[in-house]
N, C-alpha and C. Protein backbone atom coordinates (compact mmCIF):
# COMPACT_ATOMS: atom_id res chain seq x y z
N SER A 1 8.94 43.04 -3.36
CA SER A 1 8.04 42.37 -2.42
C SER A 1 6.69 43.13 -2.30
N MET A 2 5.75 42.51 -1.81
CA MET A 2 4.38 43.08 -1.61
C MET A 2 4.45 44.35 -0.81
N ALA A 3 5.20 44.32 0.33
CA ALA A 3 5.27 45.51 1.19
C ALA A 3 5.99 46.64 0.50
N SER A 4 7.04 46.38 -0.28
CA SER A 4 7.74 47.38 -1.04
C SER A 4 6.86 48.05 -2.09
N ALA A 5 6.04 47.24 -2.77
CA ALA A 5 5.11 47.74 -3.74
C ALA A 5 4.06 48.65 -3.08
N LEU A 6 3.63 48.22 -1.88
CA LEU A 6 2.66 49.03 -1.17
C LEU A 6 3.23 50.41 -0.82
N VAL A 7 4.44 50.45 -0.31
CA VAL A 7 5.04 51.71 0.02
C VAL A 7 5.26 52.51 -1.23
N ALA A 8 5.77 51.94 -2.30
CA ALA A 8 6.06 52.66 -3.52
C ALA A 8 4.80 53.20 -4.19
N SER A 9 3.65 52.60 -3.93
CA SER A 9 2.43 53.07 -4.56
C SER A 9 1.70 54.12 -3.70
N GLY A 10 2.29 54.48 -2.59
CA GLY A 10 1.68 55.57 -1.76
C GLY A 10 1.21 55.09 -0.39
N GLY A 11 1.38 53.79 -0.10
CA GLY A 11 1.05 53.32 1.23
C GLY A 11 -0.36 52.74 1.34
N GLY A 12 -0.81 52.64 2.52
CA GLY A 12 -2.04 51.98 2.87
C GLY A 12 -1.77 50.91 3.89
N ARG A 13 -2.81 50.13 4.21
CA ARG A 13 -2.65 49.01 5.16
C ARG A 13 -3.00 47.69 4.47
N LEU A 14 -2.21 46.70 4.84
CA LEU A 14 -2.59 45.35 4.33
C LEU A 14 -3.74 44.85 5.23
N VAL A 15 -4.70 44.14 4.64
CA VAL A 15 -5.80 43.59 5.39
C VAL A 15 -5.87 42.07 5.42
N ALA A 16 -5.31 41.48 4.38
CA ALA A 16 -5.29 40.00 4.26
C ALA A 16 -4.16 39.55 3.39
N VAL A 17 -3.57 38.40 3.75
CA VAL A 17 -2.45 37.87 3.06
C VAL A 17 -2.57 36.34 2.87
N LEU A 18 -2.14 35.85 1.72
CA LEU A 18 -2.11 34.44 1.46
C LEU A 18 -0.72 34.13 0.98
N CYS A 19 0.05 33.31 1.63
CA CYS A 19 1.42 32.96 1.32
C CYS A 19 1.45 31.49 0.83
N VAL A 20 1.88 31.26 -0.42
CA VAL A 20 1.89 29.91 -0.95
C VAL A 20 3.21 29.61 -1.64
N ASP A 21 3.53 28.32 -1.81
CA ASP A 21 4.71 27.88 -2.56
C ASP A 21 4.41 27.79 -4.03
N GLY A 22 5.34 27.33 -4.82
CA GLY A 22 5.14 27.19 -6.27
C GLY A 22 4.03 26.26 -6.67
N ASN A 23 3.64 25.39 -5.76
CA ASN A 23 2.56 24.44 -6.10
C ASN A 23 1.23 24.90 -5.51
N GLY A 24 1.16 26.11 -4.93
CA GLY A 24 -0.07 26.61 -4.39
C GLY A 24 -0.36 26.15 -2.97
N GLN A 25 0.62 25.47 -2.32
CA GLN A 25 0.38 25.00 -0.94
C GLN A 25 0.67 26.13 0.05
N TYR A 26 -0.15 26.18 1.08
CA TYR A 26 0.01 27.27 2.08
C TYR A 26 1.40 27.18 2.72
N LEU A 27 1.99 28.37 2.95
CA LEU A 27 3.23 28.54 3.71
C LEU A 27 3.01 29.46 4.83
N SER A 28 3.73 29.23 5.85
CA SER A 28 3.71 30.17 7.02
C SER A 28 4.79 31.24 6.72
N PRO A 29 4.48 32.54 6.83
CA PRO A 29 5.51 33.52 6.59
C PRO A 29 6.70 33.36 7.59
N CYS A 30 7.90 33.60 7.11
CA CYS A 30 9.04 33.49 7.97
C CYS A 30 9.06 34.62 8.99
N GLY A 31 9.96 34.60 9.89
CA GLY A 31 10.03 35.62 10.98
C GLY A 31 10.22 37.03 10.46
N ARG A 32 11.09 37.24 9.48
CA ARG A 32 11.33 38.54 8.88
C ARG A 32 10.08 39.02 8.17
N CYS A 33 9.44 38.16 7.43
CA CYS A 33 8.18 38.56 6.73
C CYS A 33 7.09 38.83 7.77
N ARG A 34 6.98 38.07 8.81
CA ARG A 34 5.96 38.36 9.84
C ARG A 34 6.11 39.76 10.38
N GLN A 35 7.37 40.17 10.62
CA GLN A 35 7.60 41.54 11.14
C GLN A 35 7.17 42.56 10.10
N ILE A 36 7.52 42.40 8.90
CA ILE A 36 7.18 43.33 7.81
C ILE A 36 5.68 43.40 7.63
N LEU A 37 5.02 42.22 7.66
CA LEU A 37 3.56 42.18 7.54
C LEU A 37 2.92 42.88 8.68
N PHE A 38 3.41 42.64 9.91
CA PHE A 38 2.87 43.36 11.09
C PHE A 38 2.98 44.87 10.94
N GLU A 39 4.13 45.39 10.47
CA GLU A 39 4.29 46.77 10.37
C GLU A 39 3.43 47.43 9.34
N HIS A 40 2.97 46.63 8.34
CA HIS A 40 2.07 47.17 7.30
C HIS A 40 0.61 46.75 7.45
N GLY A 41 0.35 45.88 8.40
CA GLY A 41 -1.04 45.45 8.58
C GLY A 41 -1.59 45.41 10.00
N GLY A 42 -0.67 45.42 10.94
CA GLY A 42 -1.03 45.41 12.38
C GLY A 42 -1.56 44.10 12.88
N ASN A 43 -2.04 44.09 14.10
CA ASN A 43 -2.53 42.80 14.76
C ASN A 43 -3.68 42.18 14.07
N GLN A 44 -4.49 42.93 13.41
CA GLN A 44 -5.70 42.39 12.83
C GLN A 44 -5.56 41.88 11.37
N LEU A 45 -4.36 42.04 10.78
CA LEU A 45 -4.13 41.47 9.45
C LEU A 45 -4.47 40.05 9.46
N GLN A 46 -5.25 39.59 8.44
CA GLN A 46 -5.68 38.20 8.30
C GLN A 46 -4.70 37.46 7.41
N ILE A 47 -4.26 36.27 7.94
CA ILE A 47 -3.32 35.41 7.15
C ILE A 47 -4.05 34.04 6.98
N MET A 48 -4.17 33.64 5.76
CA MET A 48 -4.83 32.33 5.49
C MET A 48 -3.91 31.20 5.84
N THR A 49 -4.49 30.21 6.54
CA THR A 49 -3.77 29.01 6.92
C THR A 49 -4.62 27.80 6.43
N PRO A 50 -4.05 26.62 6.51
CA PRO A 50 -4.84 25.42 6.12
C PRO A 50 -6.12 25.25 6.97
N ASN A 51 -6.14 25.87 8.16
CA ASN A 51 -7.25 25.79 9.08
C ASN A 51 -8.16 27.02 9.01
N GLY A 52 -7.98 27.89 8.06
CA GLY A 52 -8.77 29.11 7.97
C GLY A 52 -7.88 30.33 8.26
N ALA A 53 -8.52 31.45 8.35
CA ALA A 53 -7.87 32.75 8.54
C ALA A 53 -7.41 32.82 10.08
N ALA A 54 -6.21 33.41 10.20
CA ALA A 54 -5.71 33.71 11.56
C ALA A 54 -5.24 35.14 11.58
N THR A 55 -5.27 35.75 12.69
CA THR A 55 -4.76 37.13 12.82
C THR A 55 -3.25 37.19 12.95
N MET A 56 -2.73 38.32 12.58
CA MET A 56 -1.27 38.54 12.72
C MET A 56 -0.85 38.39 14.13
N SER A 57 -1.70 38.78 15.13
CA SER A 57 -1.32 38.64 16.50
C SER A 57 -1.15 37.17 16.95
N GLU A 58 -1.78 36.26 16.17
CA GLU A 58 -1.58 34.85 16.46
C GLU A 58 -0.23 34.38 15.87
N PHE A 59 0.17 34.94 14.80
CA PHE A 59 1.48 34.61 14.16
C PHE A 59 2.64 35.27 14.86
N LEU A 60 2.44 36.47 15.40
CA LEU A 60 3.48 37.24 16.00
C LEU A 60 3.05 37.90 17.29
N PRO A 61 2.93 37.05 18.36
CA PRO A 61 2.46 37.60 19.64
C PRO A 61 3.46 38.54 20.26
N TRP A 62 3.03 39.52 20.94
CA TRP A 62 3.92 40.46 21.62
C TRP A 62 4.73 41.25 20.62
N ALA A 63 4.20 41.53 19.48
CA ALA A 63 4.93 42.19 18.40
C ALA A 63 5.33 43.61 18.80
N PHE A 64 6.42 44.08 18.21
CA PHE A 64 6.89 45.46 18.46
C PHE A 64 6.90 46.14 17.09
N GLY A 65 6.28 47.29 17.04
CA GLY A 65 6.23 48.01 15.72
C GLY A 65 6.22 49.48 15.84
N PRO A 66 5.89 50.18 14.81
CA PRO A 66 5.93 51.67 14.79
C PRO A 66 5.12 52.30 15.90
N ASP A 67 3.94 51.76 16.27
CA ASP A 67 3.13 52.34 17.30
C ASP A 67 3.86 52.34 18.65
N ASP A 68 4.70 51.35 18.87
CA ASP A 68 5.45 51.29 20.14
C ASP A 68 6.49 52.41 20.24
N LEU A 69 7.04 52.80 19.06
CA LEU A 69 7.98 53.92 19.05
C LEU A 69 7.35 55.26 19.48
N GLU A 70 6.11 55.47 19.12
CA GLU A 70 5.34 56.64 19.47
C GLU A 70 5.07 56.67 20.97
N LYS A 71 4.88 55.53 21.63
CA LYS A 71 4.59 55.47 23.04
C LYS A 71 5.82 55.89 23.91
N SER A 72 6.97 55.69 23.33
CA SER A 72 8.19 56.01 24.12
C SER A 72 8.55 57.50 24.15
N LYS A 73 7.89 58.28 23.36
CA LYS A 73 8.18 59.72 23.30
C LYS A 73 7.46 60.47 24.33
């Protein structure tokens, strides 16, 4: 997967994602993928939709990720 390749290559942050089917039609990332994308791109990650770019926070409001673990310490 894209996130696995990112981690294997030394990390970094995702800034934009386009998810399409075999015919090139836009797809909405599934719930599991949304969580993984959030963990590697954060709230400002841009996801292309048929209506233009949307932020990860629009796709996954009230997300819980690695930064929340730091707050609890």
